[in-house]
Amino acid sequence: MATEGGALLRDALEGQVVVVVGATGGIGSAITAAMARAGARVVAVGRDRAKGDALVRLLDASGLIAEYLTCDVEDDRGLDQVRDEVLVRWARVDAVVTTVGGRGPVTGFLASDRGQWRQSMALNLDSVYGVFHCFAPPMVEQRSGSLLALSSIAGRRARGGNPAYAAAKAGVVGLVRALAAELGPYGVRVNSVCPGPTATPRVLAGLEHEAADGGKSVSELARALSEDGPLGRLVSPDEVAAACVFLASSAASSVTGEDLNVSGGLIVY
């Protein structure tokens, strides 16, 4: 059963300062709401001001509070400004979650080119490096903090069809493990969450489009995406968000260097 993101850890982040990068996406917005519901002071970050304002209004209607800052993760100076604004206001940052990424065109290895490869690496791996590199120093200085990235089961399960995405997401797992070892002595934990096929608005819209063109229903197509897993269903964004709340909280105080699968059993190691 899907949980309302963070419901089981409702006060787990009371008073903590949490930054969510890529906050307006299907999973990012769920994480933002879950962090606020868990009591955090949430700074939502994204490229689109209109989407950010809409997210803040939606949260406000639910009695949740977050502020939105506009920034492109490819802009190092912009990221630095976000970090500095957070530190000026609260003098600390307790957790940072980056959800930035995307599959892009599904292109097999032989049909791909270096431009597509570089684009996927920049979006899915370089972005994580940039966010972590920006926010790790104040965490090291305060001797505490949690860095979280969204990877994917694509980085853990070998399948053909989109090698650049799989390699980038595997790179996120490797980066997390290396940083966990390097930053652990300073009290900074580093983890990733690896979702399986997730029922985001974008995925559901794609299934609806596919259903309109073919002979299968949306529910049949959704089951086909997850039929290899024991639960036999898509993951909900709230379930991914709940995992992030756990990893950001003191309930996971000895958890670092982990890639937590939220896949309905598609990945079990």
Protein backbone atom coordinates (compact mmCIF):
# COMPACT_ATOMS: atom_id res chain seq x y z
CA MET A 1 0.00 0.00 0.00
CA ALA A 2 1.34 3.43 -0.90
CA THR A 3 1.95 5.77 2.01
CA GLU A 4 1.50 9.50 2.13
CA GLY A 5 5.14 10.50 1.74
CA GLY A 6 6.77 10.71 5.14
CA ALA A 7 3.56 9.95 7.08
CA LEU A 8 5.30 7.36 9.25
CA LEU A 9 8.07 9.88 10.06
CA ARG A 10 5.83 12.91 10.45
CA ASP A 11 8.04 14.79 12.92
CA ALA A 12 11.33 13.17 11.93
CA LEU A 13 12.80 16.36 10.46
CA GLU A 14 11.33 18.90 12.87
CA GLY A 15 13.27 22.16 12.54
CA GLN A 16 15.78 20.75 10.03
CA VAL A 17 16.74 22.74 6.94
CA VAL A 18 16.25 20.68 3.79
CA VAL A 19 16.99 21.69 0.20
CA VAL A 20 15.25 19.80 -2.62
CA VAL A 21 16.78 20.36 -6.05
CA GLY A 22 14.54 19.52 -9.00
CA ALA A 23 11.54 20.11 -6.79
CA THR A 24 8.82 20.59 -9.41
CA GLY A 25 9.02 17.18 -11.09
CA GLY A 26 6.68 14.32 -10.28
CA ILE A 27 9.00 12.78 -7.71
CA GLY A 28 10.60 16.08 -6.66
CA SER A 29 7.26 17.63 -5.70
CA ALA A 30 6.35 14.55 -3.66
CA ILE A 31 9.70 14.74 -1.85
CA THR A 32 9.22 18.45 -1.19
CA ALA A 33 5.79 17.82 0.34
CA ALA A 34 7.05 14.86 2.38
CA MET A 35 9.94 16.84 3.83
CA ALA A 36 7.59 19.68 4.81
CA ARG A 37 5.15 17.20 6.31
CA ALA A 38 8.00 15.75 8.37
CA GLY A 39 8.58 19.17 9.92
CA ALA A 40 11.50 20.44 7.83
CA ARG A 41 12.11 23.99 6.70
CA VAL A 42 12.10 23.25 2.98
CA VAL A 43 13.81 25.20 0.23
CA ALA A 44 12.57 23.95 -3.14
CA VAL A 45 14.86 24.63 -6.09
CA GLY A 46 14.16 24.39 -9.81
CA ARG A 47 14.47 26.12 -13.17
CA ASP A 48 10.84 27.11 -13.74
CA ARG A 49 9.50 29.98 -11.63
CA ALA A 50 5.87 29.42 -12.68
CA LYS A 51 6.01 25.73 -11.71
CA GLY A 52 7.73 26.61 -8.46
CA ASP A 53 5.10 29.17 -7.52
CA ALA A 54 2.36 26.66 -8.36
CA LEU A 55 4.05 24.06 -6.12
CA VAL A 56 4.26 26.51 -3.21
CA ARG A 57 0.57 27.39 -3.61
CA LEU A 58 -0.39 23.71 -3.70
CA LEU A 59 1.58 23.01 -0.55
CA ASP A 60 0.10 26.04 1.16
CA ALA A 61 -3.40 24.77 0.39
CA SER A 62 -2.46 21.58 2.24
CA GLY A 63 -1.11 23.47 5.23
CA LEU A 64 2.52 22.88 4.27
CA ILE A 65 5.21 25.53 3.95
CA ALA A 66 8.12 25.71 1.52
CA GLU A 67 9.91 28.48 -0.28
CA TYR A 68 11.05 28.32 -3.88
CA LEU A 69 14.30 29.52 -5.40
CA THR A 70 14.98 29.51 -9.13
CA CYS A 71 18.26 27.96 -10.27
CA ASP A 72 19.64 25.80 -13.07
CA VAL A 73 21.96 23.10 -11.69
CA GLU A 74 24.30 23.67 -14.63
CA ASP A 75 24.94 27.16 -13.26
CA ASP A 76 27.57 26.80 -10.53
CA ARG A 77 27.24 30.44 -9.53
CA GLY A 78 23.47 30.07 -9.22
CA LEU A 79 23.88 27.01 -6.98
CA ASP A 80 26.35 28.93 -4.83
CA GLN A 81 23.81 31.74 -4.46
CA VAL A 82 21.12 29.28 -3.36
CA ARG A 83 23.47 27.75 -0.78
CA ASP A 84 24.55 31.16 0.50
CA GLU A 85 20.94 32.34 0.81
CA VAL A 86 20.07 29.24 2.82
CA LEU A 87 23.06 29.73 5.12
CA VAL A 88 22.38 33.44 5.62
CA ARG A 89 18.81 32.68 6.64
CA TRP A 90 19.31 29.57 8.81
CA ALA A 91 23.08 29.29 9.32
CA ARG A 92 23.01 25.58 8.44
CA VAL A 93 21.77 23.01 5.94
CA ASP A 94 20.84 19.57 7.26
CA ALA A 95 19.87 17.65 4.14
CA VAL A 96 20.05 18.12 0.39
CA VAL A 97 18.15 15.97 -2.08
CA THR A 98 18.77 16.20 -5.81
CA THR A 99 16.18 14.68 -8.12
CA VAL A 100 17.51 16.18 -11.35
CA GLY A 101 17.69 13.70 -14.24
CA GLY A 102 15.81 12.08 -17.08
CA ARG A 103 15.94 9.23 -19.54
CA GLY A 104 16.02 11.37 -22.65
CA PRO A 105 15.64 9.68 -26.04
CA VAL A 106 15.77 5.89 -25.74
CA THR A 107 18.65 5.19 -28.09
CA GLY A 108 20.56 1.94 -28.38
CA PHE A 109 24.35 1.97 -28.25
CA LEU A 110 24.94 1.45 -31.97
CA ALA A 111 22.48 4.18 -32.92
CA SER A 112 23.75 6.68 -30.35
CA ASP A 113 26.38 9.38 -30.67
CA ARG A 114 28.78 11.17 -28.35
CA GLY A 115 26.50 14.18 -28.09
CA GLN A 116 23.67 12.07 -26.66
CA TRP A 117 26.11 10.39 -24.31
CA ARG A 118 27.46 13.70 -22.99
CA GLN A 119 23.97 15.12 -22.62
CA SER A 120 22.83 12.19 -20.50
CA MET A 121 25.97 12.33 -18.35
CA ALA A 122 25.51 16.06 -17.79
CA LEU A 123 21.86 15.71 -16.81
CA ASN A 124 22.05 12.58 -14.69
CA LEU A 125 25.56 12.47 -13.20
CA ASP A 126 27.29 15.84 -13.53
CA SER A 127 24.25 17.51 -11.94
CA VAL A 128 24.60 15.34 -8.83
CA TYR A 129 28.30 16.15 -8.58
CA GLY A 130 27.54 19.87 -8.87
CA VAL A 131 24.86 19.88 -6.15
CA PHE A 132 26.91 17.75 -3.76
CA HIS A 133 30.08 19.75 -4.40
CA CYS A 134 28.19 22.95 -3.59
CA PHE A 135 26.52 21.82 -0.36
CA ALA A 136 29.07 19.42 1.13
CA PRO A 137 31.47 22.10 2.49
CA PRO A 138 29.02 23.67 4.98
CA MET A 139 28.01 20.18 6.12
CA VAL A 140 31.66 19.29 6.68
CA GLU A 141 32.11 22.51 8.63
CA GLN A 142 29.09 21.85 10.85
CA ARG A 143 30.11 18.16 11.16
CA SER A 144 26.69 16.83 10.16
CA GLY A 145 24.40 16.48 7.17
CA SER A 146 22.74 14.16 4.70
CA LEU A 147 23.27 14.22 0.94
CA LEU A 148 20.74 12.29 -1.16
CA ALA A 149 20.49 11.63 -4.89
CA LEU A 150 17.95 9.84 -7.00
CA SER A 151 19.57 7.09 -9.00
CA SER A 152 17.47 4.38 -10.72
CA ILE A 153 17.19 0.64 -10.98
CA ALA A 154 18.48 1.25 -14.51
CA GLY A 155 21.88 1.79 -12.90
CA ARG A 156 21.66 -1.54 -11.08
CA ARG A 157 20.01 -3.82 -13.63
CA ALA A 158 21.67 -4.44 -16.99
CA ARG A 159 19.31 -3.97 -19.93
CA GLY A 160 19.89 -2.79 -23.46
CA GLY A 161 18.30 0.19 -25.13
CA ASN A 162 19.57 3.23 -23.24
CA PRO A 163 23.18 2.65 -22.13
CA ALA A 164 23.98 6.31 -21.50
CA TYR A 165 21.19 6.62 -18.92
CA ALA A 166 22.13 3.31 -17.28
CA ALA A 167 25.80 4.29 -17.10
CA ALA A 168 25.01 7.71 -15.64
CA LYS A 169 22.72 6.26 -12.97
CA ALA A 170 25.32 3.62 -12.11
CA GLY A 171 27.76 6.51 -11.83
CA VAL A 172 25.49 8.14 -9.24
CA VAL A 173 25.69 4.96 -7.14
CA GLY A 174 29.49 4.94 -7.44
CA LEU A 175 29.76 8.63 -6.57
CA VAL A 176 27.54 8.16 -3.51
CA ARG A 177 29.65 5.27 -2.24
CA ALA A 178 32.92 7.16 -2.74
CA LEU A 179 31.62 10.31 -1.03
CA ALA A 180 30.19 8.29 1.86
CA ALA A 181 33.69 7.00 2.53
CA GLU A 182 35.30 10.42 2.16
CA LEU A 183 32.77 12.52 4.07
CA GLY A 184 31.77 10.05 6.78
CA PRO A 185 34.56 11.11 9.15
CA TYR A 186 32.99 14.60 9.13
CA GLY A 187 29.56 13.29 10.11
CA VAL A 188 28.11 13.65 6.61
CA ARG A 189 26.03 10.76 5.28
CA VAL A 190 25.61 10.18 1.53
CA ASN A 191 22.99 7.87 0.04
CA SER A 192 20.91 7.31 -3.07
CA VAL A 193 17.41 6.05 -3.75
CA CYS A 194 16.85 3.81 -6.78
CA PRO A 195 13.20 3.93 -7.85
CA GLY A 196 11.63 1.41 -10.19
CA PRO A 197 8.99 2.48 -12.74
CA THR A 198 7.13 5.25 -10.93
CA ALA A 199 3.63 6.60 -11.48
CA THR A 200 4.62 10.21 -12.08
CA PRO A 201 2.35 12.47 -14.15
CA ARG A 202 4.81 12.22 -17.04
CA VAL A 203 4.87 8.41 -16.98
CA LEU A 204 1.08 8.18 -16.70
CA ALA A 205 0.66 10.64 -19.57
CA GLY A 206 2.99 8.50 -21.68
CA LEU A 207 0.96 5.40 -20.87
CA GLU A 208 -2.25 7.20 -21.81
CA HIS A 209 -0.73 8.25 -25.12
CA GLU A 210 0.46 4.72 -25.79
CA ALA A 211 -2.95 3.31 -24.87
CA ALA A 212 -4.65 5.69 -27.29
CA ASP A 213 -2.42 4.42 -30.11
CA GLY A 214 -2.66 0.72 -29.28
CA GLY A 215 -4.98 -1.97 -28.13
CA LYS A 216 -4.05 -2.07 -24.43
CA SER A 217 -5.43 -0.09 -21.52
CA VAL A 218 -3.36 2.17 -19.26
CA SER A 219 -3.62 -0.37 -16.42
CA GLU A 220 -2.42 -3.18 -18.70
CA LEU A 221 0.54 -1.11 -19.86
CA ALA A 222 1.38 -0.16 -16.26
CA ARG A 223 1.34 -3.80 -15.20
CA ALA A 224 3.65 -4.66 -18.10
CA LEU A 225 6.21 -2.14 -16.79
CA SER A 226 6.34 -3.80 -13.39
CA GLU A 227 5.20 -7.38 -13.96
CA ASP A 228 8.68 -8.75 -13.18
CA GLY A 229 8.41 -7.42 -9.63
CA PRO A 230 6.74 -9.32 -6.77
CA LEU A 231 4.33 -6.45 -6.04
CA GLY A 232 3.35 -6.23 -9.69
CA ARG A 233 2.60 -2.50 -9.73
CA LEU A 234 4.18 0.87 -10.31
CA VAL A 235 5.88 2.65 -7.43
CA SER A 236 4.14 5.82 -6.25
CA PRO A 237 6.06 9.12 -5.95
CA ASP A 238 5.03 9.22 -2.29
CA GLU A 239 6.78 5.90 -1.67
CA VAL A 240 10.01 7.29 -3.09
CA ALA A 241 9.53 10.42 -0.99
CA ALA A 242 9.04 8.39 2.20
CA ALA A 243 12.38 6.64 1.58
CA CYS A 244 14.06 10.03 1.22
CA VAL A 245 12.54 11.29 4.48
CA PHE A 246 13.89 8.20 6.24
CA LEU A 247 17.39 8.60 4.83
CA ALA A 248 17.47 12.30 5.69
CA SER A 249 16.33 11.70 9.26
CA SER A 250 18.09 10.55 12.42
CA ALA A 251 16.27 7.22 12.00
CA ALA A 252 18.96 6.50 9.39
CA SER A 253 21.81 7.92 11.44
CA SER A 254 24.09 4.97 10.72
CA VAL A 255 23.05 4.50 7.09
CA THR A 256 25.53 5.82 4.54
CA GLY A 257 26.91 4.69 1.19
CA GLU A 258 23.64 2.86 0.46
CA ASP A 259 21.53 2.75 -2.69
CA LEU A 260 18.04 2.02 -1.39
CA ASN A 261 15.82 0.26 -3.92
CA VAL A 262 12.19 1.41 -4.04
CA SER A 263 11.19 -0.82 -6.90
CA GLY A 264 8.39 -3.12 -5.80
CA GLY A 265 10.94 -5.92 -5.73
CA LEU A 266 12.26 -5.49 -9.29
CA ILE A 267 15.67 -5.17 -7.65
CA VAL A 268 16.25 -7.13 -4.45
CA TYR A 269 19.91 -6.53 -3.65
